[in-house]
């Protein structure tokens, strides 16, 4: 049934992509100056989860490399690396310059000085989930580096610039913004058809079944690919020659659960605590939530940062907010709820 398991992974970067021509062209245009030893345009790529932001950004950079551009690029997941030290460390690690860095004793400013001294070929950093970064000074750091260009990825533009220091905002406000909308059913069907062609035996799945997966995934390519992957595994385990709709329906809850669990595992310690507090209540008001959080941590984050955390968890369908102002309530999102 499965001929290439890599193709069925969310993070797989295909040789060709569909339905993002305008975004690819804009990314390429902003990176094109690197071909002529000129600085690239910094960018903010934004849109809902599963819209192809990370995949397309990496695809554009791979295409640039294939054209013999003398560049280096590195991907940084800001879910995991959300403070200034860890972002700078990851940036240096992409250059192979962290062998003598000690996470407990090396000063953060020393990491920046090392990165600043880099003067080789252009270095492009993909900062995925950039709105997770707690200290936006690191974005100013990156902007000030002559040989470094940044591609920031987020769900919403306003989450990146929300209450950002004026000095940093004035620098980054002119970055090029590239918007990604959610995929439609026909677009997701085409994406799945390519994955099936590269990763499954011929005739393993028909267009009707691919369209059904796309419809169930509600615009999220990661969920669509996950359903296809789990359906193919299930069919293979059962010795089936084709993937049927009833089998697809059987694996949808499993895929949704896997996606949810993966998102939960990405939460930082403060987000996890907020999630656990909400999970321990049928619903909870912001003030009660913040107070319960403050009681359990020695270094509480500001309410502004907590609101950012909660917004992020909403984007990833982990929690739901209902009501406005003092009537707002947060609750855990049922895995069966859509949107």
Protein backbone atom coordinates (compact mmCIF):
# COMPACT_ATOMS: atom_id res chain seq x y z
CA UNK A 1 0.00 0.00 0.00
CA UNK A 2 2.66 2.56 1.09
CA UNK A 3 5.66 3.02 -1.21
CA UNK A 4 7.30 6.03 0.45
CA UNK A 5 6.42 6.76 4.08
CA UNK A 6 8.27 10.09 4.12
CA UNK A 7 5.74 11.60 1.73
CA UNK A 8 2.93 11.00 4.21
CA UNK A 9 4.61 13.03 6.96
CA UNK A 10 3.41 16.59 7.66
CA UNK A 11 6.93 18.03 7.51
CA UNK A 12 7.80 16.49 4.13
CA UNK A 13 8.74 19.16 1.57
CA UNK A 14 7.52 17.99 -1.87
CA UNK A 15 9.44 18.45 -5.10
CA UNK A 16 6.50 20.41 -6.47
CA UNK A 17 3.71 22.28 -4.72
CA UNK A 18 0.27 23.34 -5.90
CA UNK A 19 -2.09 26.26 -5.26
CA UNK A 20 0.43 28.63 -3.68
CA UNK A 21 1.93 30.19 -6.82
CA UNK A 22 1.35 33.79 -5.71
CA UNK A 23 2.94 33.21 -2.30
CA UNK A 24 5.89 31.33 -3.79
CA UNK A 25 6.45 34.12 -6.28
CA UNK A 26 6.42 36.75 -3.54
CA UNK A 27 8.82 34.75 -1.39
CA UNK A 28 11.12 34.25 -4.36
CA UNK A 29 10.98 37.93 -5.26
CA UNK A 30 11.96 38.94 -1.74
CA UNK A 31 14.83 36.44 -1.68
CA UNK A 32 16.04 37.10 -5.24
CA UNK A 33 18.44 39.93 -4.25
CA UNK A 34 20.58 37.29 -2.54
CA UNK A 35 21.45 36.00 -6.01
CA UNK A 36 23.13 39.35 -6.63
CA UNK A 37 24.84 39.65 -3.22
CA UNK A 38 22.22 42.11 -2.01
CA UNK A 39 20.16 41.93 1.24
CA UNK A 40 16.89 40.03 1.13
CA UNK A 41 13.59 41.52 2.25
CA UNK A 42 12.49 40.39 5.71
CA UNK A 43 9.03 38.81 5.64
CA UNK A 44 6.03 37.95 7.79
CA UNK A 45 4.13 34.90 6.54
CA UNK A 46 0.78 34.51 8.26
CA UNK A 47 -2.42 32.51 8.06
CA UNK A 48 -4.39 29.77 9.87
CA UNK A 49 -2.88 26.44 10.99
CA UNK A 50 -2.40 23.97 8.15
CA UNK A 51 -2.35 26.62 5.41
CA UNK A 52 1.10 25.62 4.13
CA UNK A 53 3.09 28.53 5.57
CA UNK A 54 6.06 26.50 6.82
CA UNK A 55 6.11 24.06 3.92
CA UNK A 56 6.00 26.78 1.27
CA UNK A 57 8.65 28.90 3.01
CA UNK A 58 11.03 25.95 3.15
CA UNK A 59 10.16 24.98 -0.41
CA UNK A 60 11.05 28.49 -1.64
CA UNK A 61 14.42 28.33 0.10
CA UNK A 62 15.15 24.87 -1.31
CA UNK A 63 14.37 26.19 -4.78
CA UNK A 64 16.73 29.10 -4.20
CA UNK A 65 19.48 26.70 -3.16
CA UNK A 66 18.81 24.56 -6.22
CA UNK A 67 19.47 27.60 -8.39
CA UNK A 68 23.03 27.58 -7.02
CA UNK A 69 22.45 30.49 -4.69
CA UNK A 70 25.25 30.66 -2.14
CA UNK A 71 23.04 30.78 0.95
CA UNK A 72 22.53 29.06 4.29
CA UNK A 73 19.18 28.76 5.98
CA UNK A 74 17.95 27.33 9.26
CA UNK A 75 14.52 26.57 10.70
CA UNK A 76 13.74 27.58 14.30
CA UNK A 77 10.56 26.41 16.03
CA UNK A 78 9.62 29.20 18.45
CA UNK A 79 7.14 26.96 20.23
CA UNK A 80 10.23 25.27 21.66
CA UNK A 81 12.65 28.21 21.50
CA UNK A 82 10.76 31.17 22.89
CA UNK A 83 13.33 33.22 24.79
CA UNK A 84 16.17 35.36 23.50
CA UNK A 85 18.92 32.94 24.52
CA UNK A 86 17.38 29.87 22.88
CA UNK A 87 16.59 31.69 19.61
CA UNK A 88 20.14 33.03 19.36
CA UNK A 89 21.52 29.63 20.30
CA UNK A 90 19.51 27.92 17.56
CA UNK A 91 20.62 30.55 15.04
CA UNK A 92 24.26 29.89 15.93
CA UNK A 93 23.69 26.14 15.91
CA UNK A 94 22.53 26.41 12.30
CA UNK A 95 26.02 27.70 11.54
CA UNK A 96 27.74 25.01 13.60
CA UNK A 97 29.05 27.54 16.13
CA UNK A 98 27.74 26.23 19.45
CA UNK A 99 30.36 23.61 20.38
CA UNK A 100 31.78 25.71 23.23
CA UNK A 101 28.51 27.36 24.26
CA UNK A 102 27.29 26.45 27.74
CA UNK A 103 23.57 26.88 28.18
CA UNK A 104 23.91 27.63 31.88
CA UNK A 105 26.86 30.01 31.83
CA UNK A 106 27.35 31.61 28.42
CA UNK A 107 25.91 35.17 28.46
CA UNK A 108 23.12 35.85 25.99
CA UNK A 109 24.90 38.93 24.64
CA UNK A 110 27.89 36.77 23.79
CA UNK A 111 25.68 34.65 21.53
CA UNK A 112 24.54 37.79 19.77
CA UNK A 113 28.13 39.02 19.37
CA UNK A 114 29.09 35.69 17.79
CA UNK A 115 26.20 35.89 15.39
CA UNK A 116 27.07 39.49 14.61
CA UNK A 117 30.64 38.50 13.73
CA UNK A 118 29.39 36.05 11.09
CA UNK A 119 30.34 37.51 7.72
CA UNK A 120 30.10 34.61 5.30
CA UNK A 121 27.32 33.84 2.83
CA UNK A 122 23.77 35.13 3.46
CA UNK A 123 21.96 33.42 6.31
CA UNK A 124 18.17 33.10 6.30
CA UNK A 125 16.27 32.18 9.45
CA UNK A 126 12.74 30.81 9.43
CA UNK A 127 11.19 31.77 12.76
CA UNK A 128 8.12 29.55 12.92
CA UNK A 129 5.39 30.50 15.43
CA UNK A 130 7.28 33.76 15.93
CA UNK A 131 4.51 35.17 18.13
CA UNK A 132 5.58 32.64 20.76
CA UNK A 133 8.78 34.60 21.40
CA UNK A 134 8.58 36.23 24.82
CA UNK A 135 11.37 38.78 24.38
CA UNK A 136 10.92 40.62 21.10
CA UNK A 137 14.37 42.16 21.42
CA UNK A 138 15.69 39.11 19.64
CA UNK A 139 13.77 40.21 16.53
CA UNK A 140 15.57 43.53 16.72
CA UNK A 141 18.81 41.56 17.06
CA UNK A 142 18.08 39.66 13.87
CA UNK A 143 17.01 42.75 11.97
CA UNK A 144 20.25 44.52 12.82
CA UNK A 145 22.47 41.76 11.42
CA UNK A 146 23.78 42.59 7.98
CA UNK A 147 24.08 39.03 6.70
CA UNK A 148 20.86 37.67 8.24
CA UNK A 149 17.35 37.75 6.75
CA UNK A 150 14.29 36.51 8.61
CA UNK A 151 11.07 34.84 7.54
CA UNK A 152 8.64 35.14 10.45
CA UNK A 153 5.67 32.75 10.49
CA UNK A 154 2.55 33.28 12.60
CA UNK A 155 -1.19 32.71 12.58
CA UNK A 156 -2.15 36.39 12.76
CA UNK A 157 -0.29 39.58 11.95
CA UNK A 158 -1.63 41.35 15.04
CA UNK A 159 -0.27 38.68 17.36
CA UNK A 160 3.27 39.45 16.21
CA UNK A 161 3.08 43.22 16.66
CA UNK A 162 0.74 43.29 19.67
CA UNK A 163 2.20 45.75 22.20
CA UNK A 164 5.65 45.35 20.69
CA UNK A 165 8.26 47.87 21.80
CA UNK A 166 8.07 50.93 19.51
CA UNK A 167 11.74 50.69 18.59
CA UNK A 168 11.34 47.10 17.43
CA UNK A 169 8.02 47.75 15.69
CA UNK A 170 9.49 50.67 13.75
CA UNK A 171 12.14 48.32 12.37
CA UNK A 172 9.89 45.40 11.54
CA UNK A 173 6.77 47.23 10.41
CA UNK A 174 8.16 47.50 6.89
CA UNK A 175 8.69 43.78 6.46
CA UNK A 176 6.77 42.29 3.55
CA UNK A 177 3.57 40.54 4.59
CA UNK A 178 2.50 37.38 2.78
CA UNK A 179 -0.95 36.08 3.65
CA UNK A 180 -2.03 32.45 3.38
CA UNK A 181 -5.72 31.59 3.42
CA UNK A 182 -7.13 28.23 4.43
CA UNK A 183 -7.19 25.65 1.63
CA UNK A 184 -10.47 24.90 -0.09
CA UNK A 185 -11.70 21.35 -0.57
CA UNK A 186 -10.57 21.15 -4.20
CA UNK A 187 -7.13 22.54 -3.30
CA UNK A 188 -6.66 20.06 -0.47
CA UNK A 189 -7.82 17.27 -2.76
CA UNK A 190 -5.09 18.16 -5.25
CA UNK A 191 -2.47 18.22 -2.48
CA UNK A 192 -3.59 14.81 -1.28
CA UNK A 193 -3.60 13.47 -4.84
CA UNK A 194 0.07 14.42 -5.18
CA UNK A 195 0.93 12.79 -1.84
CA UNK A 196 -0.94 9.64 -2.85
CA UNK A 197 0.83 9.54 -6.23
CA UNK A 198 4.27 9.84 -4.60
CA UNK A 199 3.66 7.70 -1.51
CA UNK A 200 1.07 5.02 -2.32
CA UNK A 201 0.63 2.23 -4.84
CA UNK A 202 -1.33 3.24 -7.96
CA UNK A 203 -5.10 2.98 -7.49
CA UNK A 204 -4.74 2.73 -3.69
CA UNK A 205 -7.21 5.57 -3.30
CA UNK A 206 -9.67 7.25 -5.64
CA UNK A 207 -10.57 10.90 -6.13
CA UNK A 208 -13.85 10.52 -4.25
CA UNK A 209 -12.03 9.30 -1.14
CA UNK A 210 -9.41 12.08 -1.37
CA UNK A 211 -12.17 14.63 -1.66
CA UNK A 212 -13.86 13.17 1.39
CA UNK A 213 -10.63 13.53 3.41
CA UNK A 214 -10.28 17.13 2.24
CA UNK A 215 -13.82 17.90 3.28
CA UNK A 216 -13.35 16.40 6.76
CA UNK A 217 -10.06 18.29 7.27
CA UNK A 218 -11.81 21.69 6.99
CA UNK A 219 -8.96 23.52 5.26
CA UNK A 220 -6.09 22.13 7.37
CA UNK A 221 -3.48 20.37 5.24
CA UNK A 222 -1.77 18.81 8.24
CA UNK A 223 -4.97 17.09 9.34
CA UNK A 224 -5.75 16.02 5.77
CA UNK A 225 -2.30 14.46 5.33
CA UNK A 226 -2.60 12.84 8.76
CA UNK A 227 -5.92 11.24 7.82
CA UNK A 228 -4.44 9.93 4.57
CA UNK A 229 -1.41 8.58 6.45
CA UNK A 230 -3.47 6.80 9.11
CA UNK A 231 -5.91 5.44 6.55
CA UNK A 232 -3.05 4.05 4.45
CA UNK A 233 -1.44 2.45 7.49
CA UNK A 234 -4.74 0.91 8.53
CA UNK A 235 -5.46 -0.40 5.04
CA UNK A 236 -1.95 -1.83 4.80
CA UNK A 237 -2.28 -3.55 8.19
CA UNK A 238 -5.59 -5.08 7.15
CA UNK A 239 -4.26 -6.21 3.77
CA UNK A 240 -6.73 -4.04 1.86
CA UNK A 241 -5.95 -3.07 -1.72
CA UNK A 242 -7.84 0.23 -1.59
CA UNK A 243 -8.71 2.88 0.97
CA UNK A 244 -12.47 3.08 1.41
CA UNK A 245 -14.54 5.90 2.88
CA UNK A 246 -15.65 3.88 5.91
CA UNK A 247 -12.01 3.23 6.78
CA UNK A 248 -11.27 6.96 6.39
CA UNK A 249 -14.09 7.81 8.78
CA UNK A 250 -12.73 5.29 11.27
CA UNK A 251 -9.31 6.99 11.45
CA UNK A 252 -10.55 10.59 11.65
CA UNK A 253 -10.92 10.60 15.47
CA UNK A 254 -7.46 9.07 15.85
CA UNK A 255 -5.94 11.74 13.61
CA UNK A 256 -7.70 14.55 15.43
CA UNK A 257 -6.51 13.15 18.75
CA UNK A 258 -2.92 12.87 17.47
CA UNK A 259 -2.98 16.45 16.19
CA UNK A 260 -4.39 17.71 19.46
CA UNK A 261 -1.84 15.79 21.52
CA UNK A 262 1.00 17.08 19.36
CA UNK A 263 -0.18 20.66 19.92
CA UNK A 264 -0.46 20.08 23.68
CA UNK A 265 3.07 18.68 23.78
CA UNK A 266 4.32 21.87 22.11
CA UNK A 267 3.02 24.10 24.91
CA UNK A 268 5.64 25.77 27.07
CA UNK A 269 5.44 25.37 30.86
CA UNK A 270 3.30 28.47 31.36
CA UNK A 271 0.87 27.54 28.60
CA UNK A 272 0.64 23.99 29.94
CA UNK A 273 -0.27 25.33 33.37
CA UNK A 274 -2.98 27.57 31.90
CA UNK A 275 -4.31 24.61 29.93
CA UNK A 276 -4.35 22.39 33.02
CA UNK A 277 -6.22 25.03 35.06
CA UNK A 278 -8.84 25.41 32.33
CA UNK A 279 -9.07 21.63 32.01
CA UNK A 280 -9.82 21.40 35.74
CA UNK A 281 -12.91 23.58 35.35
CA UNK A 282 -16.06 23.37 33.27
CA UNK A 283 -15.30 27.00 32.36
CA UNK A 284 -13.33 29.79 33.99
CA UNK A 285 -13.19 33.59 33.78
CA UNK A 286 -9.89 35.33 32.92
CA UNK A 287 -9.47 36.86 36.40
CA UNK A 288 -9.94 33.51 38.10
CA UNK A 289 -7.59 31.90 35.59
CA UNK A 290 -4.84 34.49 36.11
CA UNK A 291 -5.14 34.28 39.89
CA UNK A 292 -4.93 30.48 39.87
CA UNK A 293 -1.92 30.70 37.56
CA UNK A 294 -0.13 33.27 39.77
CA UNK A 295 -0.53 31.03 42.81
CA UNK A 296 1.33 28.17 41.13
CA UNK A 297 4.41 29.84 39.59
CA UNK A 298 7.39 31.66 41.02
CA UNK A 299 7.99 33.79 37.92
CA UNK A 300 4.52 34.61 36.53
CA UNK A 301 4.25 36.14 33.08
CA UNK A 302 2.38 39.39 32.52
CA UNK A 303 -1.33 39.34 31.73
CA UNK A 304 -0.47 40.59 28.25
CA UNK A 305 1.72 37.51 27.70
CA UNK A 306 -0.95 35.25 29.17
CA UNK A 307 -3.48 36.64 26.69
CA UNK A 308 -1.04 35.84 23.87
CA UNK A 309 -0.72 32.31 25.19
CA UNK A 310 -4.48 31.89 25.34
CA UNK A 311 -4.92 33.28 21.82
CA UNK A 312 -2.37 30.76 20.54
CA UNK A 313 -4.18 27.88 22.21
CA UNK A 314 -7.43 29.03 20.63
CA UNK A 315 -5.83 29.11 17.17
CA UNK A 316 -4.79 25.49 17.65
CA UNK A 317 -8.25 24.42 18.81
CA UNK A 318 -7.17 23.48 22.33
CA UNK A 319 -9.48 25.90 24.14
CA UNK A 320 -12.55 28.00 23.39
CA UNK A 321 -13.43 31.48 24.65
CA UNK A 322 -17.05 32.59 24.91
CA UNK A 323 -18.40 36.02 25.81
CA UNK A 324 -16.65 39.39 26.00
CA UNK A 325 -14.99 41.49 28.68
CA UNK A 326 -15.75 40.42 32.23
CA UNK A 327 -18.25 37.89 30.88
CA UNK A 328 -15.58 35.98 28.93
CA UNK A 329 -15.17 32.32 29.83
CA UNK A 330 -12.51 29.84 28.75
CA UNK A 331 -13.10 26.12 28.44
CA UNK A 332 -11.37 23.12 26.93
CA UNK A 333 -12.44 22.47 23.35
CA UNK A 334 -14.16 19.16 22.77
CA UNK A 335 -12.28 17.12 20.18
CA UNK A 336 -15.48 16.64 18.20
CA UNK A 337 -16.09 20.40 17.75
CA UNK A 338 -15.41 21.83 14.30
CA UNK A 339 -13.42 25.00 13.53
